[in-house]
Amino acid sequence: MELQDAIDRRRMVRRYDPDRPVPDRARERLLENALHAPSAGFSQGWAFLVLEEPADRERFWRACVGPGEPGTWLTGMRTAPLLVVVLSHKQAYLDRYAEPDKGWTDRDEARWPVPYWDVDAGMAAVLMLLTAVDEGLGACFFGVEPDRLDDLRSAFDIPSGYRPVGVVSVGYRAVDKPSPSLLRGRRGVEQVVHRGRWGGSSAAGQSG
């Protein structure tokens, strides 16, 4: 599949066929491609918790969703045969940039304009989403509520130095209602791109 096709076809899929597991080859390709995401200083401060066994997936949902918690989208998400928890490791970045070629030996977080450990983990997640499309699968990226993070850590023995940035659910897409958020429409280039200065709208090769 061409990259443009994968980008055009990518959607957040919230309901899956529970009787069709993700093929081993597709799962491994997802994870291998995630490792090709860019990372500041080639720190690669990420980790991926793969949950495929029914008992593990059920433990995830028990930890992350309270009993009787509303939300029809969760009903569909529970059908995903594969969950990948994407985690960032801040210390890996602070340590990497304290090395001689970087020299930030104070490991001061204030040196970082944004938390690149989370940004890079998000980039790895995007590569998983696109790989899923290329494999003929559906996928979704979603977050874990802050008040559930301790339960998630406890359920899977996640070290304190690793922060769950989000979760990628993967599987074969099942029929579902489109998200009502899609009614907002996709914003156009002219609405979000500023050329030359903020508010500048002239496209390349045009004047005015």
N, C-alpha and C. Protein backbone atom coordinates (compact mmCIF):
# COMPACT_ATOMS: atom_id res chain seq x y z
N MET A 1 0.84 -1.19 0.00
CA MET A 1 0.00 0.00 0.00
C MET A 1 0.88 1.25 0.00
N GLU A 2 0.51 2.24 -0.81
CA GLU A 2 1.24 3.50 -0.82
C GLU A 2 0.98 4.27 0.48
N LEU A 3 1.98 5.04 0.89
CA LEU A 3 1.84 5.80 2.14
C LEU A 3 0.61 6.70 2.12
N GLN A 4 0.37 7.38 0.99
CA GLN A 4 -0.78 8.28 0.92
C GLN A 4 -2.08 7.53 1.12
N ASP A 5 -2.15 6.30 0.58
CA ASP A 5 -3.37 5.50 0.77
C ASP A 5 -3.57 5.18 2.24
N ALA A 6 -2.49 4.82 2.92
CA ALA A 6 -2.60 4.49 4.35
C ALA A 6 -3.04 5.70 5.15
N ILE A 7 -2.51 6.88 4.82
CA ILE A 7 -2.90 8.09 5.52
C ILE A 7 -4.37 8.40 5.27
N ASP A 8 -4.79 8.29 4.02
CA ASP A 8 -6.18 8.61 3.67
C ASP A 8 -7.17 7.65 4.32
N ARG A 9 -6.78 6.39 4.49
CA ARG A 9 -7.69 5.37 5.00
C ARG A 9 -7.67 5.24 6.52
N ARG A 10 -6.68 5.89 7.16
CA ARG A 10 -6.58 5.75 8.61
C ARG A 10 -7.78 6.38 9.32
N ARG A 11 -8.38 5.61 10.21
CA ARG A 11 -9.49 6.08 11.04
C ARG A 11 -9.30 5.52 12.45
N MET A 12 -9.90 6.18 13.43
CA MET A 12 -9.92 5.64 14.77
C MET A 12 -11.06 4.60 14.82
N VAL A 13 -10.68 3.34 14.91
CA VAL A 13 -11.65 2.24 14.89
C VAL A 13 -11.98 1.85 16.33
N ARG A 14 -13.27 1.82 16.64
CA ARG A 14 -13.69 1.59 18.03
C ARG A 14 -14.50 0.32 18.23
N ARG A 15 -14.56 -0.52 17.20
CA ARG A 15 -15.24 -1.82 17.34
C ARG A 15 -14.56 -2.82 16.42
N TYR A 16 -14.31 -4.04 16.95
CA TYR A 16 -13.52 -5.03 16.22
C TYR A 16 -14.24 -6.38 16.21
N ASP A 17 -13.81 -7.23 15.28
CA ASP A 17 -14.31 -8.60 15.22
C ASP A 17 -13.57 -9.40 16.29
N PRO A 18 -14.26 -9.81 17.37
CA PRO A 18 -13.57 -10.49 18.47
C PRO A 18 -13.11 -11.90 18.13
N ASP A 19 -13.59 -12.44 17.00
CA ASP A 19 -13.25 -13.81 16.62
C ASP A 19 -12.08 -13.88 15.65
N ARG A 20 -11.49 -12.74 15.32
CA ARG A 20 -10.37 -12.72 14.38
C ARG A 20 -9.14 -12.10 15.06
N PRO A 21 -8.24 -12.92 15.55
CA PRO A 21 -7.04 -12.36 16.19
C PRO A 21 -6.12 -11.69 15.18
N VAL A 22 -5.29 -10.83 15.67
CA VAL A 22 -4.30 -10.17 14.83
C VAL A 22 -3.21 -11.19 14.47
N PRO A 23 -2.92 -11.40 13.19
CA PRO A 23 -1.87 -12.36 12.80
C PRO A 23 -0.52 -12.00 13.45
N ASP A 24 0.23 -13.03 13.79
CA ASP A 24 1.53 -12.82 14.43
C ASP A 24 2.42 -11.90 13.61
N ARG A 25 2.45 -12.13 12.31
CA ARG A 25 3.31 -11.32 11.44
C ARG A 25 2.93 -9.85 11.50
N ALA A 26 1.62 -9.58 11.49
CA ALA A 26 1.16 -8.19 11.54
C ALA A 26 1.50 -7.56 12.88
N ARG A 27 1.33 -8.31 13.96
CA ARG A 27 1.65 -7.78 15.29
C ARG A 27 3.12 -7.41 15.38
N GLU A 28 4.00 -8.29 14.92
CA GLU A 28 5.43 -8.03 15.01
C GLU A 28 5.84 -6.88 14.10
N ARG A 29 5.19 -6.77 12.96
CA ARG A 29 5.51 -5.65 12.07
C ARG A 29 5.10 -4.32 12.70
N LEU A 30 3.97 -4.30 13.37
CA LEU A 30 3.55 -3.10 14.09
C LEU A 30 4.62 -2.66 15.08
N LEU A 31 5.10 -3.61 15.86
CA LEU A 31 6.06 -3.29 16.91
C LEU A 31 7.41 -2.91 16.31
N GLU A 32 7.83 -3.61 15.28
CA GLU A 32 9.11 -3.30 14.64
C GLU A 32 9.09 -1.92 13.99
N ASN A 33 7.97 -1.59 13.36
CA ASN A 33 7.88 -0.28 12.72
C ASN A 33 7.86 0.84 13.74
N ALA A 34 7.28 0.58 14.91
CA ALA A 34 7.26 1.60 15.96
C ALA A 34 8.67 2.01 16.35
N LEU A 35 9.61 1.08 16.25
CA LEU A 35 10.99 1.36 16.63
C LEU A 35 11.70 2.27 15.63
N HIS A 36 11.06 2.53 14.49
CA HIS A 36 11.63 3.43 13.50
C HIS A 36 11.18 4.87 13.71
N ALA A 37 10.42 5.13 14.76
CA ALA A 37 10.01 6.50 15.05
C ALA A 37 11.24 7.33 15.42
N PRO A 38 11.22 8.63 15.13
CA PRO A 38 12.33 9.48 15.53
C PRO A 38 12.35 9.66 17.05
N SER A 39 13.53 9.88 17.60
CA SER A 39 13.63 10.18 19.03
C SER A 39 14.80 11.12 19.26
N ALA A 40 14.61 12.08 20.14
CA ALA A 40 15.63 13.08 20.41
C ALA A 40 16.91 12.40 20.89
N GLY A 41 18.02 12.73 20.24
CA GLY A 41 19.30 12.13 20.62
C GLY A 41 19.35 10.64 20.43
N PHE A 42 18.41 10.12 19.65
CA PHE A 42 18.28 8.67 19.47
C PHE A 42 18.18 7.99 20.84
N SER A 43 17.48 8.67 21.76
CA SER A 43 17.33 8.15 23.12
C SER A 43 16.48 6.89 23.15
N GLN A 44 15.47 6.82 22.29
CA GLN A 44 14.59 5.64 22.19
C GLN A 44 13.99 5.29 23.55
N GLY A 45 13.56 6.32 24.25
CA GLY A 45 13.03 6.10 25.60
C GLY A 45 11.57 5.71 25.59
N TRP A 46 11.29 4.59 25.02
CA TRP A 46 9.91 4.10 24.95
C TRP A 46 9.88 2.63 25.32
N ALA A 47 8.70 2.15 25.61
CA ALA A 47 8.48 0.72 25.87
C ALA A 47 7.05 0.41 25.48
N PHE A 48 6.78 -0.87 25.19
CA PHE A 48 5.46 -1.27 24.70
C PHE A 48 5.01 -2.52 25.45
N LEU A 49 3.89 -2.40 26.11
CA LEU A 49 3.29 -3.53 26.83
C LEU A 49 2.23 -4.15 25.92
N VAL A 50 2.47 -5.37 25.48
CA VAL A 50 1.59 -6.04 24.51
C VAL A 50 0.64 -6.97 25.26
N LEU A 51 -0.64 -6.77 25.04
CA LEU A 51 -1.67 -7.56 25.72
C LEU A 51 -2.54 -8.25 24.68
N GLU A 52 -2.41 -9.58 24.60
CA GLU A 52 -3.18 -10.36 23.63
C GLU A 52 -4.05 -11.42 24.29
N GLU A 53 -3.54 -12.02 25.34
CA GLU A 53 -4.30 -13.08 25.99
C GLU A 53 -5.58 -12.50 26.59
N PRO A 54 -6.70 -13.21 26.45
CA PRO A 54 -7.97 -12.69 26.98
C PRO A 54 -7.89 -12.28 28.44
N ALA A 55 -7.18 -13.05 29.26
CA ALA A 55 -7.08 -12.71 30.68
C ALA A 55 -6.33 -11.40 30.88
N ASP A 56 -5.29 -11.16 30.08
CA ASP A 56 -4.53 -9.92 30.19
C ASP A 56 -5.36 -8.72 29.74
N ARG A 57 -6.08 -8.90 28.66
CA ARG A 57 -6.91 -7.79 28.17
C ARG A 57 -8.02 -7.47 29.17
N GLU A 58 -8.61 -8.50 29.76
CA GLU A 58 -9.66 -8.27 30.74
C GLU A 58 -9.09 -7.57 31.97
N ARG A 59 -7.87 -7.94 32.35
CA ARG A 59 -7.22 -7.28 33.49
C ARG A 59 -6.97 -5.80 33.18
N PHE A 60 -6.62 -5.52 31.93
CA PHE A 60 -6.42 -4.12 31.52
C PHE A 60 -7.72 -3.34 31.69
N TRP A 61 -8.81 -3.90 31.17
CA TRP A 61 -10.08 -3.16 31.24
C TRP A 61 -10.57 -3.01 32.67
N ARG A 62 -10.35 -4.01 33.49
CA ARG A 62 -10.74 -3.88 34.90
C ARG A 62 -9.95 -2.78 35.59
N ALA A 63 -8.67 -2.67 35.24
CA ALA A 63 -7.83 -1.65 35.87
C ALA A 63 -8.16 -0.25 35.38
N CYS A 64 -8.56 -0.13 34.12
CA CYS A 64 -8.70 1.19 33.50
C CYS A 64 -10.12 1.71 33.42
N VAL A 65 -11.10 0.85 33.65
CA VAL A 65 -12.49 1.27 33.55
C VAL A 65 -13.22 0.82 34.81
N GLY A 66 -13.86 1.75 35.48
CA GLY A 66 -14.58 1.42 36.69
C GLY A 66 -15.83 0.61 36.41
N PRO A 67 -16.31 -0.18 37.36
CA PRO A 67 -17.52 -0.97 37.17
C PRO A 67 -18.72 -0.06 36.92
N GLY A 68 -19.45 -0.41 35.89
CA GLY A 68 -20.63 0.37 35.55
C GLY A 68 -20.33 1.71 34.92
N GLU A 69 -19.08 1.96 34.56
CA GLU A 69 -18.71 3.23 33.96
C GLU A 69 -19.34 3.34 32.58
N PRO A 70 -20.01 4.45 32.30
CA PRO A 70 -20.74 4.58 31.03
C PRO A 70 -19.81 4.78 29.85
N GLY A 71 -20.38 4.70 28.68
CA GLY A 71 -19.60 4.95 27.46
C GLY A 71 -19.76 3.82 26.47
N THR A 72 -20.60 4.01 25.45
CA THR A 72 -20.82 2.94 24.48
C THR A 72 -19.55 2.63 23.68
N TRP A 73 -18.66 3.62 23.52
CA TRP A 73 -17.44 3.36 22.75
C TRP A 73 -16.59 2.32 23.44
N LEU A 74 -16.66 2.26 24.78
CA LEU A 74 -15.88 1.27 25.51
C LEU A 74 -16.36 -0.15 25.23
N THR A 75 -17.65 -0.30 25.00
CA THR A 75 -18.19 -1.62 24.69
C THR A 75 -17.53 -2.17 23.43
N GLY A 76 -17.39 -1.32 22.42
CA GLY A 76 -16.73 -1.74 21.19
C GLY A 76 -15.25 -1.94 21.36
N MET A 77 -14.62 -1.06 22.12
CA MET A 77 -13.17 -1.16 22.31
C MET A 77 -12.77 -2.45 23.01
N ARG A 78 -13.62 -2.95 23.86
CA ARG A 78 -13.32 -4.20 24.58
C ARG A 78 -13.21 -5.40 23.65
N THR A 79 -13.67 -5.25 22.41
CA THR A 79 -13.60 -6.36 21.47
C THR A 79 -12.23 -6.44 20.77
N ALA A 80 -11.37 -5.47 21.00
CA ALA A 80 -10.05 -5.47 20.34
C ALA A 80 -9.23 -6.67 20.80
N PRO A 81 -8.73 -7.48 19.87
CA PRO A 81 -7.93 -8.66 20.26
C PRO A 81 -6.50 -8.33 20.64
N LEU A 82 -6.06 -7.10 20.37
CA LEU A 82 -4.69 -6.71 20.68
C LEU A 82 -4.68 -5.30 21.25
N LEU A 83 -4.02 -5.14 22.39
CA LEU A 83 -3.80 -3.82 22.99
C LEU A 83 -2.30 -3.63 23.19
N VAL A 84 -1.82 -2.47 22.82
CA VAL A 84 -0.41 -2.13 23.04
C VAL A 84 -0.36 -0.85 23.86
N VAL A 85 0.08 -0.96 25.09
CA VAL A 85 0.24 0.21 25.94
C VAL A 85 1.58 0.86 25.60
N VAL A 86 1.54 2.12 25.19
CA VAL A 86 2.73 2.85 24.79
C VAL A 86 3.22 3.66 25.98
N LEU A 87 4.48 3.44 26.36
CA LEU A 87 5.04 4.11 27.54
C LEU A 87 6.27 4.92 27.19
N SER A 88 6.45 6.03 27.89
CA SER A 88 7.65 6.85 27.71
C SER A 88 8.52 6.74 28.95
N HIS A 89 9.82 6.92 28.72
CA HIS A 89 10.80 6.79 29.81
C HIS A 89 11.63 8.08 29.85
N LYS A 90 11.20 9.02 30.65
CA LYS A 90 11.85 10.33 30.72
C LYS A 90 13.32 10.22 31.09
N GLN A 91 13.65 9.36 32.02
CA GLN A 91 15.03 9.29 32.51
C GLN A 91 16.00 8.90 31.41
N ALA A 92 15.53 8.12 30.46
CA ALA A 92 16.40 7.75 29.33
C ALA A 92 16.85 8.99 28.57
N TYR A 93 15.97 9.98 28.45
CA TYR A 93 16.31 11.22 27.75
C TYR A 93 17.23 12.09 28.59
N LEU A 94 16.91 12.23 29.88
CA LEU A 94 17.76 13.04 30.75
C LEU A 94 19.17 12.46 30.82
N ASP A 95 19.27 11.14 30.87
CA ASP A 95 20.59 10.49 30.91
C ASP A 95 21.32 10.64 29.58
N ARG A 96 20.60 10.47 28.48
CA ARG A 96 21.23 10.57 27.16
C ARG A 96 21.83 11.96 26.95
N TYR A 97 21.09 13.00 27.37
CA TYR A 97 21.57 14.36 27.14
C TYR A 97 22.58 14.83 28.19
N ALA A 98 22.88 13.96 29.14
CA ALA A 98 23.98 14.22 30.07
C ALA A 98 25.29 13.62 29.57
N GLU A 99 25.23 12.89 28.46
CA GLU A 99 26.44 12.28 27.89
C GLU A 99 27.33 13.36 27.26
N PRO A 100 28.62 13.06 27.06
CA PRO A 100 29.58 14.08 26.63
C PRO A 100 29.18 14.85 25.37
N ASP A 101 28.55 14.19 24.38
CA ASP A 101 28.23 14.90 23.14
C ASP A 101 27.06 15.87 23.29
N LYS A 102 26.34 15.79 24.41
CA LYS A 102 25.24 16.71 24.68
C LYS A 102 25.59 17.66 25.83
N GLY A 103 26.03 17.10 26.94
CA GLY A 103 26.60 17.91 28.00
C GLY A 103 25.65 18.52 29.02
N TRP A 104 24.38 18.12 29.01
CA TRP A 104 23.45 18.66 30.00
C TRP A 104 23.53 17.83 31.28
N THR A 105 24.67 17.93 31.95
CA THR A 105 24.93 17.04 33.08
C THR A 105 24.03 17.32 34.27
N ASP A 106 23.39 18.49 34.31
CA ASP A 106 22.49 18.78 35.43
C ASP A 106 21.15 18.05 35.29
N ARG A 107 20.90 17.49 34.10
CA ARG A 107 19.65 16.76 33.84
C ARG A 107 18.41 17.60 34.18
N ASP A 108 18.49 18.88 33.92
CA ASP A 108 17.41 19.80 34.24
C ASP A 108 16.31 19.71 33.19
N GLU A 109 15.11 19.36 33.61
CA GLU A 109 13.98 19.25 32.67
C GLU A 109 13.64 20.58 32.02
N ALA A 110 14.01 21.69 32.67
CA ALA A 110 13.68 23.01 32.13
C ALA A 110 14.39 23.27 30.80
N ARG A 111 15.42 22.50 30.50
CA ARG A 111 16.12 22.66 29.22
C ARG A 111 15.26 22.19 28.04
N TRP A 112 14.26 21.38 28.34
CA TRP A 112 13.45 20.80 27.27
C TRP A 112 12.24 21.69 27.00
N PRO A 113 12.05 22.15 25.77
CA PRO A 113 10.90 23.01 25.47
C PRO A 113 9.57 22.29 25.62
N VAL A 114 9.57 21.02 25.32
CA VAL A 114 8.39 20.15 25.50
C VAL A 114 8.90 18.79 25.95
N PRO A 115 8.06 17.94 26.55
CA PRO A 115 8.52 16.61 26.97
C PRO A 115 8.69 15.68 25.77
N TYR A 116 9.88 15.69 25.20
CA TYR A 116 10.11 14.90 23.98
C TYR A 116 9.94 13.41 24.22
N TRP A 117 10.09 12.95 25.46
CA TRP A 117 9.88 11.53 25.73
C TRP A 117 8.44 11.13 25.43
N ASP A 118 7.50 12.04 25.69
CA ASP A 118 6.10 11.76 25.36
C ASP A 118 5.83 11.96 23.87
N VAL A 119 6.42 13.02 23.31
CA VAL A 119 6.25 13.30 21.88
C VAL A 119 6.71 12.11 21.05
N ASP A 120 7.90 11.60 21.37
CA ASP A 120 8.46 10.50 20.58
C ASP A 120 7.65 9.23 20.74
N ALA A 121 7.13 8.99 21.95
CA ALA A 121 6.25 7.82 22.14
C ALA A 121 5.00 7.95 21.29
N GLY A 122 4.48 9.18 21.18
CA GLY A 122 3.32 9.41 20.31
C GLY A 122 3.64 9.15 18.85
N MET A 123 4.85 9.51 18.42
CA MET A 123 5.25 9.24 17.04
C MET A 123 5.31 7.74 16.78
N ALA A 124 5.80 6.99 17.76
CA ALA A 124 5.84 5.54 17.61
C ALA A 124 4.42 4.98 17.47
N ALA A 125 3.49 5.56 18.23
CA ALA A 125 2.09 5.12 18.14
C ALA A 125 1.51 5.39 16.75
N VAL A 126 1.85 6.54 16.17
CA VAL A 126 1.36 6.86 14.82
C VAL A 126 1.85 5.84 13.81
N LEU A 127 3.10 5.42 13.93
CA LEU A 127 3.61 4.42 13.00
C LEU A 127 2.86 3.09 13.16
N MET A 128 2.46 2.76 14.38
CA MET A 128 1.64 1.57 14.58
C MET A 128 0.28 1.71 13.91
N LEU A 129 -0.33 2.88 14.05
CA LEU A 129 -1.64 3.11 13.43
C LEU A 129 -1.56 2.95 11.91
N LEU A 130 -0.53 3.50 11.30
CA LEU A 130 -0.39 3.42 9.85
C LEU A 130 -0.05 1.99 9.40
N THR A 131 0.76 1.31 10.19
CA THR A 131 1.08 -0.08 9.86
C THR A 131 -0.17 -0.95 9.92
N ALA A 132 -1.02 -0.69 10.89
CA ALA A 132 -2.27 -1.45 10.99
C ALA A 132 -3.09 -1.30 9.71
N VAL A 133 -3.20 -0.08 9.21
CA VAL A 133 -3.94 0.14 7.96
C VAL A 133 -3.29 -0.63 6.82
N ASP A 134 -1.97 -0.60 6.76
CA ASP A 134 -1.25 -1.28 5.70
C ASP A 134 -1.45 -2.79 5.75
N GLU A 135 -1.74 -3.31 6.95
CA GLU A 135 -1.99 -4.73 7.14
C GLU A 135 -3.47 -5.10 6.98
N GLY A 136 -4.30 -4.13 6.61
CA GLY A 136 -5.72 -4.40 6.45
C GLY A 136 -6.46 -4.47 7.78
N LEU A 137 -5.89 -3.85 8.80
CA LEU A 137 -6.48 -3.87 10.13
C LEU A 137 -6.99 -2.49 10.51
N GLY A 138 -7.76 -2.45 11.58
CA GLY A 138 -8.19 -1.19 12.16
C GLY A 138 -7.46 -0.96 13.46
N ALA A 139 -7.36 0.30 13.87
CA ALA A 139 -6.67 0.61 15.11
C ALA A 139 -7.20 1.92 15.67
N CYS A 140 -6.91 2.12 16.96
CA CYS A 140 -7.32 3.36 17.63
C CYS A 140 -6.28 3.69 18.69
N PHE A 141 -6.05 4.97 18.91
CA PHE A 141 -5.17 5.42 19.98
C PHE A 141 -6.03 6.11 21.02
N PHE A 142 -5.93 5.68 22.26
CA PHE A 142 -6.74 6.31 23.31
C PHE A 142 -5.93 6.39 24.59
N GLY A 143 -6.38 7.24 25.50
CA GLY A 143 -5.65 7.46 26.73
C GLY A 143 -6.25 6.73 27.92
N VAL A 144 -5.49 6.72 29.00
CA VAL A 144 -5.93 6.14 30.27
C VAL A 144 -6.18 7.29 31.23
N GLU A 145 -7.31 7.27 31.89
CA GLU A 145 -7.65 8.34 32.83
C GLU A 145 -6.58 8.44 33.93
N PRO A 146 -6.21 9.67 34.30
CA PRO A 146 -5.15 9.84 35.32
C PRO A 146 -5.40 9.08 36.61
N ASP A 147 -6.66 9.03 37.04
CA ASP A 147 -6.94 8.35 38.31
C ASP A 147 -6.91 6.83 38.19
N ARG A 148 -6.63 6.33 36.98
CA ARG A 148 -6.54 4.89 36.77
C ARG A 148 -5.10 4.42 36.54
N LEU A 149 -4.18 5.36 36.47
CA LEU A 149 -2.81 4.98 36.14
C LEU A 149 -2.17 4.10 37.20
N ASP A 150 -2.43 4.38 38.46
CA ASP A 150 -1.86 3.55 39.52
C ASP A 150 -2.39 2.12 39.44
N ASP A 151 -3.68 1.98 39.12
CA ASP A 151 -4.25 0.64 38.98
C ASP A 151 -3.62 -0.10 37.81
N LEU A 152 -3.37 0.63 36.72
CA LEU A 152 -2.73 0.02 35.55
C LEU A 152 -1.31 -0.42 35.89
N ARG A 153 -0.57 0.44 36.56
CA ARG A 153 0.80 0.08 36.95
C ARG A 153 0.82 -1.17 37.82
N SER A 154 -0.08 -1.19 38.78
CA SER A 154 -0.13 -2.31 39.71
C SER A 154 -0.51 -3.61 39.00
N ALA A 155 -1.46 -3.52 38.09
CA ALA A 155 -1.96 -4.71 37.41
C ALA A 155 -0.89 -5.38 36.57
N PHE A 156 0.06 -4.58 36.03
CA PHE A 156 1.04 -5.14 35.10
C PHE A 156 2.49 -4.90 35.54
N ASP A 157 2.69 -4.51 36.79
CA ASP A 157 4.04 -4.32 37.34
C ASP A 157 4.87 -3.32 36.52
N ILE A 158 4.24 -2.24 36.08
CA ILE A 158 4.94 -1.23 35.29
C ILE A 158 5.84 -0.40 36.22
N PRO A 159 7.13 -0.31 35.92
CA PRO A 159 8.03 0.48 36.77
C PRO A 159 7.61 1.94 36.84
N SER A 160 7.90 2.58 37.95
CA SER A 160 7.47 3.96 38.16
C SER A 160 8.09 4.93 37.17
N GLY A 161 9.25 4.59 36.61
CA GLY A 161 9.90 5.49 35.67
C GLY A 161 9.29 5.52 34.28
N TYR A 162 8.33 4.66 34.03
CA TYR A 162 7.68 4.59 32.72
C TYR A 162 6.27 5.14 32.83
N ARG A 163 5.93 6.08 31.93
CA ARG A 163 4.61 6.69 31.96
C ARG A 163 3.76 6.20 30.79
N PRO A 164 2.57 5.67 31.05
CA PRO A 164 1.67 5.31 29.95
C PRO A 164 1.21 6.57 29.22
N VAL A 165 1.58 6.68 27.96
CA VAL A 165 1.19 7.82 27.15
C VAL A 165 -0.17 7.58 26.48
N GLY A 166 -0.45 6.32 26.18
CA GLY A 166 -1.70 5.96 25.54
C GLY A 166 -1.70 4.49 25.19
N VAL A 167 -2.77 4.06 24.56
CA VAL A 167 -2.94 2.65 24.21
C VAL A 167 -3.37 2.56 22.75
N VAL A 168 -2.78 1.64 22.02
CA VAL A 168 -3.19 1.36 20.63
C VAL A 168 -3.97 0.04 20.64
N SER A 169 -5.23 0.11 20.26
CA SER A 169 -6.03 -1.10 20.09
C SER A 169 -5.99 -1.49 18.62
N VAL A 170 -5.94 -2.79 18.35
CA VAL A 170 -5.77 -3.27 16.97
C VAL A 170 -6.66 -4.49 16.75
N GLY A 171 -7.21 -4.59 15.58
CA GLY A 171 -8.00 -5.76 15.21
C GLY A 171 -8.65 -5.55 13.86
N TYR A 172 -9.44 -6.52 13.46
CA TYR A 172 -10.20 -6.38 12.21
C TYR A 172 -11.45 -5.57 12.49
N ARG A 173 -11.66 -4.58 11.67
CA ARG A 173 -12.75 -3.64 11.90
C ARG A 173 -14.11 -4.32 11.79
N ALA A 174 -14.98 -4.00 12.73
CA ALA A 174 -16.37 -4.47 12.69
C ALA A 174 -17.28 -3.28 12.39
N VAL A 175 -18.50 -3.58 11.97
CA VAL A 175 -19.45 -2.52 11.66
C VAL A 175 -19.75 -1.73 12.92
N ASP A 176 -19.68 -0.43 12.81
CA ASP A 176 -19.94 0.43 13.96
C ASP A 176 -20.44 1.78 13.45
N LYS A 177 -21.07 2.52 14.34
CA LYS A 177 -21.53 3.86 13.98
C LYS A 177 -20.33 4.81 13.96
N PRO A 178 -20.27 5.69 12.96
CA PRO A 178 -19.19 6.67 12.93
C PRO A 178 -19.25 7.57 14.17
N SER A 179 -18.12 8.02 14.61
CA SER A 179 -18.08 8.93 15.74
C SER A 179 -18.81 10.22 15.39
N PRO A 180 -19.67 10.71 16.28
CA PRO A 180 -20.36 11.99 16.00
C PRO A 180 -19.39 13.15 15.88
N SER A 181 -18.19 12.99 16.41
CA SER A 181 -17.19 14.07 16.29
C SER A 181 -16.83 14.34 14.84
N LEU A 182 -17.00 13.33 13.97
CA LEU A 182 -16.65 13.50 12.56
C LEU A 182 -17.52 14.54 11.88
N LEU A 183 -18.67 14.82 12.46
CA LEU A 183 -19.55 15.84 11.89
C LEU A 183 -18.91 17.22 11.91
N ARG A 184 -17.90 17.38 12.72
CA ARG A 184 -17.17 18.65 12.75
C ARG A 184 -16.44 18.92 11.44
N GLY A 185 -16.14 17.85 10.71
CA GLY A 185 -15.41 18.00 9.45
C GLY A 185 -13.93 18.19 9.67
N ARG A 186 -13.17 17.86 8.66
CA ARG A 186 -11.72 18.01 8.73
C ARG A 186 -11.34 19.44 8.33
N ARG A 187 -10.55 20.09 9.15
CA ARG A 187 -10.14 21.45 8.85
C ARG A 187 -9.22 21.47 7.63
N GLY A 188 -9.37 22.47 6.81
CA GLY A 188 -8.58 22.58 5.60
C GLY A 188 -7.23 23.24 5.83
N VAL A 189 -6.35 23.08 4.83
CA VAL A 189 -5.02 23.66 4.91
C VAL A 189 -5.09 25.16 5.16
N GLU A 190 -6.02 25.82 4.48
CA GLU A 190 -6.12 27.27 4.59
C GLU A 190 -6.52 27.73 5.99
N GLN A 191 -7.07 26.80 6.80
CA GLN A 191 -7.49 27.16 8.14
C GLN A 191 -6.38 26.99 9.18
N VAL A 192 -5.40 26.19 8.89
CA VAL A 192 -4.40 25.87 9.92
C VAL A 192 -2.97 26.22 9.52
N VAL A 193 -2.74 26.50 8.24
CA VAL A 193 -1.38 26.80 7.78
C VAL A 193 -1.20 28.31 7.67
N HIS A 194 -0.10 28.81 8.26
CA HIS A 194 0.24 30.23 8.21
C HIS A 194 1.57 30.34 7.47
N ARG A 195 1.56 31.06 6.36
CA ARG A 195 2.73 31.09 5.47
C ARG A 195 3.50 32.40 5.64
N GLY A 196 4.76 32.24 6.07
CA GLY A 196 5.62 33.42 6.19
C GLY A 196 5.46 34.16 7.49
N ARG A 197 4.24 34.29 7.98
CA ARG A 197 3.95 34.93 9.25
C ARG A 197 2.57 34.45 9.69
N TRP A 198 2.26 34.66 10.95
CA TRP A 198 0.94 34.25 11.43
C TRP A 198 -0.13 35.05 10.71
N GLY A 199 -1.06 34.33 10.11
CA GLY A 199 -2.10 34.97 9.33
C GLY A 199 -1.78 35.04 7.85
N GLY A 200 -0.53 34.73 7.49
CA GLY A 200 -0.16 34.73 6.08
C GLY A 200 -0.80 33.54 5.38
N SER A 201 -1.44 33.79 4.26
CA SER A 201 -2.21 32.73 3.60
C SER A 201 -1.83 32.48 2.16
N SER A 202 -0.80 33.13 1.67
CA SER A 202 -0.43 32.95 0.26
C SER A 202 0.24 31.60 0.08
N ALA A 203 -0.29 30.78 -0.82
CA ALA A 203 0.32 29.50 -1.15
C ALA A 203 1.56 29.73 -1.97
N ALA A 204 2.46 28.74 -1.98
CA ALA A 204 3.68 28.83 -2.75
C ALA A 204 3.36 29.06 -4.23
N GLY A 205 4.03 30.00 -4.82
CA GLY A 205 3.83 30.25 -6.24
C GLY A 205 2.69 31.20 -6.51
N GLN A 206 2.01 31.69 -5.45
CA GLN A 206 0.92 32.63 -5.65
C GLN A 206 1.27 33.94 -4.96
N SER A 207 0.65 34.99 -5.36
CA SER A 207 0.87 36.30 -4.73
C SER A 207 -0.41 36.76 -4.10
N GLY A 208 -0.30 37.78 -3.27
CA GLY A 208 -1.49 38.35 -2.65
C GLY A 208 -1.53 38.08 -1.18
